[in-house]
Amino acid sequence: VNWAQKIFVEMVIRDIRAGVPIRYIILKARQMGFSTMIEALGYWWTSTHRYVTSVIIAHEKNAVNTLYKMFRRYYEYSHPHFQPDRKYNTKQELVFDVSDEVKKQYAEMGQAPPGLQSEIKTMVAADGKGRADNINFFHGSEVAFWDDSADIVSSALQAVPMAAESFVFLESTANGIGGYFYDEWQIAKRGESQFTPLFFAWHQH
């Protein structure tokens, strides 16, 4: 990991250990590896915990495809302990669970089936508006470039419990003055937001 990723991960691990909701808004330069690291955290958490729904929203389809390929890569190259059974592996969704046939077999024996029943979903911002899923891990990528970003993020935040072991990451490069991400960043800098602000400039890298 690079220096910026290391700072970020250490802060997240600290919050997990402290039992507080994990909430970060990140203003950063390009190519610093924050999406890669957030997706790594998301894969780790989803592949090792039951009943987790992770949702990743990006501003455009190409970005969504890139982020989803990261999850495919993590799965393919992980140690077997981090390769749970997959029920579905589509172009936008990775579901960790056993098959319906296996579930049926366990049900006939009166036993709870194995399988995590956890999933990772990726989507473009336009498809994330008004969704009502229960979400445990949310990553908004390049939020400053979303249309209707305030409505989309608001819908997502309503689905994430304000509790320990819940994750929300909003990250973006700058996109001028004004808009939801800019406003939320300013509020976070004043200490008036649920988000911890992190700033990483290009000249630091």
C-alpha atoms as a PDB file:
ATOM      1  CA  VAL A   1       0.000   0.000   0.000  1.00  0.00           C
ATOM      2  CA  ASN A   2       1.113   3.577  -0.554  1.00  0.00           C
ATOM      3  CA  TRP A   3       1.365   6.201   2.180  1.00  0.00           C
ATOM      4  CA  ALA A   4      -2.150   7.640   1.632  1.00  0.00           C
ATOM      5  CA  GLN A   5      -3.813   4.215   1.570  1.00  0.00           C
ATOM      6  CA  LYS A   6      -1.948   3.285   4.755  1.00  0.00           C
ATOM      7  CA  ILE A   7      -3.183   6.384   6.615  1.00  0.00           C
ATOM      8  CA  PHE A   8      -6.725   5.722   5.460  1.00  0.00           C
ATOM      9  CA  VAL A   9      -6.793   2.011   6.359  1.00  0.00           C
ATOM     10  CA  GLU A  10      -5.312   2.639   9.799  1.00  0.00           C
ATOM     11  CA  MET A  11      -8.087   5.157  10.519  1.00  0.00           C
ATOM     12  CA  VAL A  12     -10.787   2.726   9.393  1.00  0.00           C
ATOM     13  CA  ILE A  13      -9.353  -0.124  11.488  1.00  0.00           C
ATOM     14  CA  ARG A  14      -9.183   2.236  14.469  1.00  0.00           C
ATOM     15  CA  ASP A  15     -12.887   3.049  14.064  1.00  0.00           C
ATOM     16  CA  ILE A  16     -13.823  -0.630  13.754  1.00  0.00           C
ATOM     17  CA  ARG A  17     -11.962  -1.409  16.966  1.00  0.00           C
ATOM     18  CA  ALA A  18     -13.580   1.575  18.697  1.00  0.00           C
ATOM     19  CA  GLY A  19     -17.036   0.304  17.743  1.00  0.00           C
ATOM     20  CA  VAL A  20     -18.121   3.519  16.019  1.00  0.00           C
ATOM     21  CA  PRO A  21     -19.838   3.958  12.625  1.00  0.00           C
ATOM     22  CA  ILE A  22     -17.265   4.341   9.860  1.00  0.00           C
ATOM     23  CA  ARG A  23     -18.000   7.539   7.916  1.00  0.00           C
ATOM     24  CA  TYR A  24     -15.479   9.260   5.645  1.00  0.00           C
ATOM     25  CA  ILE A  25     -15.620  11.907   2.937  1.00  0.00           C
ATOM     26  CA  ILE A  26     -12.427  11.961   0.889  1.00  0.00           C
ATOM     27  CA  LEU A  27     -11.256  14.743  -1.421  1.00  0.00           C
ATOM     28  CA  LYS A  28      -8.276  13.458  -3.362  1.00  0.00           C
ATOM     29  CA  ALA A  29      -6.144  13.682  -6.453  1.00  0.00           C
ATOM     30  CA  ARG A  30      -6.461  11.120  -9.216  1.00  0.00           C
ATOM     31  CA  GLN A  31      -4.656   7.783  -9.240  1.00  0.00           C
ATOM     32  CA  MET A  32      -3.982   7.622  -5.505  1.00  0.00           C
ATOM     33  CA  GLY A  33      -5.616   4.224  -5.094  1.00  0.00           C
ATOM     34  CA  PHE A  34      -8.549   5.104  -2.840  1.00  0.00           C
ATOM     35  CA  SER A  35     -11.148   3.235  -4.868  1.00  0.00           C
ATOM     36  CA  THR A  36      -8.853   0.207  -4.913  1.00  0.00           C
ATOM     37  CA  MET A  37      -8.437   0.330  -1.142  1.00  0.00           C
ATOM     38  CA  ILE A  38     -12.111   0.962  -0.376  1.00  0.00           C
ATOM     39  CA  GLU A  39     -13.063  -1.954  -2.619  1.00  0.00           C
ATOM     40  CA  ALA A  40     -10.472  -4.111  -0.845  1.00  0.00           C
ATOM     41  CA  LEU A  41     -12.074  -3.230   2.494  1.00  0.00           C
ATOM     42  CA  GLY A  42     -15.507  -3.958   1.044  1.00  0.00           C
ATOM     43  CA  TYR A  43     -14.426  -7.318  -0.321  1.00  0.00           C
ATOM     44  CA  TRP A  44     -12.740  -8.267   2.955  1.00  0.00           C
ATOM     45  CA  TRP A  45     -15.796  -7.354   5.041  1.00  0.00           C
ATOM     46  CA  THR A  46     -18.362  -8.916   2.711  1.00  0.00           C
ATOM     47  CA  SER A  47     -16.430 -12.149   2.177  1.00  0.00           C
ATOM     48  CA  THR A  48     -15.941 -12.732   5.912  1.00  0.00           C
ATOM     49  CA  HIS A  49     -19.321 -11.746   7.402  1.00  0.00           C
ATOM     50  CA  ARG A  50     -22.851 -13.063   7.009  1.00  0.00           C
ATOM     51  CA  TYR A  51     -25.846 -11.028   5.825  1.00  0.00           C
ATOM     52  CA  VAL A  52     -23.780  -8.107   4.517  1.00  0.00           C
ATOM     53  CA  THR A  53     -24.963  -5.984   1.603  1.00  0.00           C
ATOM     54  CA  SER A  54     -22.290  -3.827   0.026  1.00  0.00           C
ATOM     55  CA  VAL A  55     -23.278  -1.228  -2.564  1.00  0.00           C
ATOM     56  CA  ILE A  56     -20.828   0.631  -4.760  1.00  0.00           C
ATOM     57  CA  ILE A  57     -22.058   3.473  -6.942  1.00  0.00           C
ATOM     58  CA  ALA A  58     -19.942   5.267  -9.553  1.00  0.00           C
ATOM     59  CA  HIS A  59     -20.671   8.156 -11.875  1.00  0.00           C
ATOM     60  CA  GLU A  60     -20.517   6.281 -15.173  1.00  0.00           C
ATOM     61  CA  LYS A  61     -20.738   2.759 -16.565  1.00  0.00           C
ATOM     62  CA  ASN A  62     -17.038   2.404 -17.418  1.00  0.00           C
ATOM     63  CA  ALA A  63     -16.127   3.302 -13.847  1.00  0.00           C
ATOM     64  CA  VAL A  64     -18.632   0.753 -12.518  1.00  0.00           C
ATOM     65  CA  ASN A  65     -17.094  -1.945 -14.714  1.00  0.00           C
ATOM     66  CA  THR A  66     -13.604  -1.060 -13.488  1.00  0.00           C
ATOM     67  CA  LEU A  67     -14.658  -1.243  -9.842  1.00  0.00           C
ATOM     68  CA  TYR A  68     -16.432  -4.554 -10.325  1.00  0.00           C
ATOM     69  CA  LYS A  69     -13.364  -6.059 -11.988  1.00  0.00           C
ATOM     70  CA  MET A  70     -11.506  -5.302  -8.769  1.00  0.00           C
ATOM     71  CA  PHE A  71     -13.866  -7.602  -6.837  1.00  0.00           C
ATOM     72  CA  ARG A  72     -13.482 -10.330  -9.419  1.00  0.00           C
ATOM     73  CA  ARG A  73      -9.718 -10.004  -9.126  1.00  0.00           C
ATOM     74  CA  TYR A  74      -9.810 -10.085  -5.323  1.00  0.00           C
ATOM     75  CA  TYR A  75     -11.877 -13.259  -5.426  1.00  0.00           C
ATOM     76  CA  GLU A  76      -9.709 -15.008  -7.985  1.00  0.00           C
ATOM     77  CA  TYR A  77      -6.406 -14.255  -6.259  1.00  0.00           C
ATOM     78  CA  SER A  78      -7.401 -14.437  -2.595  1.00  0.00           C
ATOM     79  CA  HIS A  79      -6.412 -17.162  -0.179  1.00  0.00           C
ATOM     80  CA  PRO A  80      -9.145 -19.866  -0.069  1.00  0.00           C
ATOM     81  CA  HIS A  81     -10.217 -18.579   3.373  1.00  0.00           C
ATOM     82  CA  PHE A  82     -11.388 -15.434   1.586  1.00  0.00           C
ATOM     83  CA  GLN A  83     -13.141 -17.257  -1.254  1.00  0.00           C
ATOM     84  CA  PRO A  84     -16.597 -18.113   0.093  1.00  0.00           C
ATOM     85  CA  ASP A  85     -19.122 -20.025  -1.990  1.00  0.00           C
ATOM     86  CA  ARG A  86     -20.539 -17.931  -4.824  1.00  0.00           C
ATOM     87  CA  LYS A  87     -24.166 -18.201  -5.794  1.00  0.00           C
ATOM     88  CA  TYR A  88     -24.147 -15.513  -8.477  1.00  0.00           C
ATOM     89  CA  ASN A  89     -21.327 -13.826 -10.339  1.00  0.00           C
ATOM     90  CA  THR A  90     -22.820 -11.444 -12.870  1.00  0.00           C
ATOM     91  CA  LYS A  91     -21.377  -8.331 -14.492  1.00  0.00           C
ATOM     92  CA  GLN A  92     -22.643  -6.151 -11.653  1.00  0.00           C
ATOM     93  CA  GLU A  93     -23.251  -8.405  -8.685  1.00  0.00           C
ATOM     94  CA  LEU A  94     -21.247 -10.881  -6.634  1.00  0.00           C
ATOM     95  CA  VAL A  95     -23.319 -12.995  -4.230  1.00  0.00           C
ATOM     96  CA  PHE A  96     -21.674 -15.153  -1.583  1.00  0.00           C
ATOM     97  CA  ASP A  97     -24.016 -17.995  -0.717  1.00  0.00           C
ATOM     98  CA  VAL A  98     -24.712 -21.672  -1.311  1.00  0.00           C
ATOM     99  CA  SER A  99     -27.082 -22.865  -4.023  1.00  0.00           C
ATOM    100  CA  ASP A 100     -30.831 -23.205  -3.512  1.00  0.00           C
ATOM    101  CA  GLU A 101     -30.403 -26.990  -3.775  1.00  0.00           C
ATOM    102  CA  VAL A 102     -28.007 -27.022  -0.823  1.00  0.00           C
ATOM    103  CA  LYS A 103     -30.372 -24.803   1.157  1.00  0.00           C
ATOM    104  CA  LYS A 104     -33.193 -27.213   0.458  1.00  0.00           C
ATOM    105  CA  GLN A 105     -31.125 -30.154   1.689  1.00  0.00           C
ATOM    106  CA  TYR A 106     -30.365 -28.403   4.966  1.00  0.00           C
ATOM    107  CA  ALA A 107     -33.976 -27.312   5.359  1.00  0.00           C
ATOM    108  CA  GLU A 108     -35.097 -30.942   5.033  1.00  0.00           C
ATOM    109  CA  MET A 109     -32.715 -31.807   7.870  1.00  0.00           C
ATOM    110  CA  GLY A 110     -34.071 -28.943   9.956  1.00  0.00           C
ATOM    111  CA  GLN A 111     -30.715 -27.191   9.948  1.00  0.00           C
ATOM    112  CA  ALA A 112     -29.618 -23.694   9.024  1.00  0.00           C
ATOM    113  CA  PRO A 113     -27.727 -23.755   5.721  1.00  0.00           C
ATOM    114  CA  PRO A 114     -24.106 -22.685   5.356  1.00  0.00           C
ATOM    115  CA  GLY A 115     -23.256 -19.753   3.130  1.00  0.00           C
ATOM    116  CA  LEU A 116     -22.753 -16.111   3.941  1.00  0.00           C
ATOM    117  CA  GLN A 117     -25.879 -14.732   2.252  1.00  0.00           C
ATOM    118  CA  SER A 118     -23.829 -11.616   1.564  1.00  0.00           C
ATOM    119  CA  GLU A 119     -23.517  -9.650  -1.654  1.00  0.00           C
ATOM    120  CA  ILE A 120     -21.667  -6.883  -3.449  1.00  0.00           C
ATOM    121  CA  LYS A 121     -23.642  -4.741  -5.881  1.00  0.00           C
ATOM    122  CA  THR A 122     -22.286  -2.159  -8.303  1.00  0.00           C
ATOM    123  CA  MET A 123     -24.335   0.404 -10.220  1.00  0.00           C
ATOM    124  CA  VAL A 124     -24.192   3.750 -11.935  1.00  0.00           C
ATOM    125  CA  ALA A 125     -25.443   6.731  -9.965  1.00  0.00           C
ATOM    126  CA  ALA A 126     -28.615   7.125 -12.024  1.00  0.00           C
ATOM    127  CA  ASP A 127     -29.745   3.630 -10.971  1.00  0.00           C
ATOM    128  CA  GLY A 128     -29.078   4.261  -7.281  1.00  0.00           C
ATOM    129  CA  LYS A 129     -31.765   6.865  -6.728  1.00  0.00           C
ATOM    130  CA  GLY A 130     -34.553   5.891  -4.364  1.00  0.00           C
ATOM    131  CA  ARG A 131     -33.234   2.411  -3.570  1.00  0.00           C
ATOM    132  CA  ALA A 132     -34.441   0.991  -0.264  1.00  0.00           C
ATOM    133  CA  ASP A 133     -32.028  -1.914   0.282  1.00  0.00           C
ATOM    134  CA  ASN A 134     -30.549  -2.439   3.705  1.00  0.00           C
ATOM    135  CA  ILE A 135     -26.895  -1.534   3.245  1.00  0.00           C
ATOM    136  CA  ASN A 136     -23.947  -2.327   5.516  1.00  0.00           C
ATOM    137  CA  PHE A 137     -21.126  -1.023   3.326  1.00  0.00           C
ATOM    138  CA  PHE A 138     -21.585   1.897   0.930  1.00  0.00           C
ATOM    139  CA  HIS A 139     -19.027   3.456  -1.392  1.00  0.00           C
ATOM    140  CA  GLY A 140     -19.870   6.475  -3.505  1.00  0.00           C
ATOM    141  CA  SER A 141     -17.153   7.003  -6.120  1.00  0.00           C
ATOM    142  CA  GLU A 142     -16.563  10.415  -7.767  1.00  0.00           C
ATOM    143  CA  VAL A 143     -19.645  11.791  -6.035  1.00  0.00           C
ATOM    144  CA  ALA A 144     -18.906  15.352  -7.176  1.00  0.00           C
ATOM    145  CA  PHE A 145     -19.689  14.246 -10.741  1.00  0.00           C
ATOM    146  CA  TRP A 146     -23.075  12.613 -10.056  1.00  0.00           C
ATOM    147  CA  ASP A 147     -26.355  14.083 -11.230  1.00  0.00           C
ATOM    148  CA  ASP A 148     -28.868  14.314  -8.354  1.00  0.00           C
ATOM    149  CA  SER A 149     -26.061  13.371  -5.961  1.00  0.00           C
ATOM    150  CA  ALA A 150     -27.878  14.751  -2.901  1.00  0.00           C
ATOM    151  CA  ASP A 151     -30.922  12.526  -3.514  1.00  0.00           C
ATOM    152  CA  ILE A 152     -28.858   9.426  -4.288  1.00  0.00           C
ATOM    153  CA  VAL A 153     -26.600   9.750  -1.254  1.00  0.00           C
ATOM    154  CA  SER A 154     -29.586  10.567   0.958  1.00  0.00           C
ATOM    155  CA  SER A 155     -31.341   7.367  -0.154  1.00  0.00           C
ATOM    156  CA  ALA A 156     -28.207   5.343   0.534  1.00  0.00           C
ATOM    157  CA  LEU A 157     -27.591   6.870   3.959  1.00  0.00           C
ATOM    158  CA  GLN A 158     -31.152   6.099   5.027  1.00  0.00           C
ATOM    159  CA  ALA A 159     -30.425   2.437   4.281  1.00  0.00           C
ATOM    160  CA  VAL A 160     -27.215   2.288   6.329  1.00  0.00           C
ATOM    161  CA  PRO A 161     -27.719   1.970  10.095  1.00  0.00           C
ATOM    162  CA  MET A 162     -25.868   4.469  12.257  1.00  0.00           C
ATOM    163  CA  ALA A 163     -24.173   1.672  14.148  1.00  0.00           C
ATOM    164  CA  ALA A 164     -20.851  -0.022  14.697  1.00  0.00           C
ATOM    165  CA  GLU A 165     -19.560  -2.047  11.747  1.00  0.00           C
ATOM    166  CA  SER A 166     -21.429   0.070   9.219  1.00  0.00           C
ATOM    167  CA  PHE A 167     -19.427   1.798   6.499  1.00  0.00           C
ATOM    168  CA  VAL A 168     -19.995   4.836   4.301  1.00  0.00           C
ATOM    169  CA  PHE A 169     -17.284   6.272   2.081  1.00  0.00           C
ATOM    170  CA  LEU A 170     -17.850   9.256  -0.204  1.00  0.00           C
ATOM    171  CA  GLU A 171     -14.826  10.045  -2.339  1.00  0.00           C
ATOM    172  CA  SER A 172     -14.172  12.295  -5.290  1.00  0.00           C
ATOM    173  CA  THR A 173     -11.754  14.485  -7.112  1.00  0.00           C
ATOM    174  CA  ALA A 174     -12.724  18.158  -7.104  1.00  0.00           C
ATOM    175  CA  ASN A 175     -15.374  19.437  -9.518  1.00  0.00           C
ATOM    176  CA  GLY A 176     -15.548  23.152  -8.822  1.00  0.00           C
ATOM    177  CA  ILE A 177     -17.491  25.118  -6.253  1.00  0.00           C
ATOM    178  CA  GLY A 178     -21.052  24.125  -5.376  1.00  0.00           C
ATOM    179  CA  GLY A 179     -23.030  20.908  -5.423  1.00  0.00           C
ATOM    180  CA  TYR A 180     -23.672  18.222  -2.847  1.00  0.00           C
ATOM    181  CA  PHE A 181     -20.125  16.916  -2.471  1.00  0.00           C
ATOM    182  CA  TYR A 182     -18.672  20.417  -2.129  1.00  0.00           C
ATOM    183  CA  ASP A 183     -21.278  21.385   0.468  1.00  0.00           C
ATOM    184  CA  GLU A 184     -20.879  18.155   2.438  1.00  0.00           C
ATOM    185  CA  TRP A 185     -17.113  18.575   2.400  1.00  0.00           C
ATOM    186  CA  GLN A 186     -17.371  22.098   3.818  1.00  0.00           C
ATOM    187  CA  ILE A 187     -19.751  20.918   6.551  1.00  0.00           C
ATOM    188  CA  ALA A 188     -17.424  18.046   7.450  1.00  0.00           C
ATOM    189  CA  LYS A 189     -14.438  20.402   7.649  1.00  0.00           C
ATOM    190  CA  ARG A 190     -16.386  22.488  10.184  1.00  0.00           C
ATOM    191  CA  GLY A 191     -17.008  19.379  12.258  1.00  0.00           C
ATOM    192  CA  GLU A 192     -20.767  19.567  11.722  1.00  0.00           C
ATOM    193  CA  SER A 193     -21.174  16.311   9.797  1.00  0.00           C
ATOM    194  CA  GLN A 194     -21.214  12.596  10.497  1.00  0.00           C
ATOM    195  CA  PHE A 195     -18.271  12.341   8.072  1.00  0.00           C
ATOM    196  CA  THR A 196     -14.592  12.612   8.879  1.00  0.00           C
ATOM    197  CA  PRO A 197     -12.951  14.675   6.096  1.00  0.00           C
ATOM    198  CA  LEU A 198      -9.708  13.475   4.511  1.00  0.00           C
ATOM    199  CA  PHE A 199      -7.804  15.562   1.954  1.00  0.00           C
ATOM    200  CA  PHE A 200      -4.962  14.234  -0.185  1.00  0.00           C
ATOM    201  CA  ALA A 201      -3.422  16.683  -2.671  1.00  0.00           C
ATOM    202  CA  TRP A 202      -1.613  15.694  -5.855  1.00  0.00           C
ATOM    203  CA  HIS A 203       1.653  17.332  -4.747  1.00  0.00           C
ATOM    204  CA  GLN A 204       1.744  15.128  -1.626  1.00  0.00           C
ATOM    205  CA  HIS A 205       1.854  12.002  -3.758  1.00  0.00           C
END
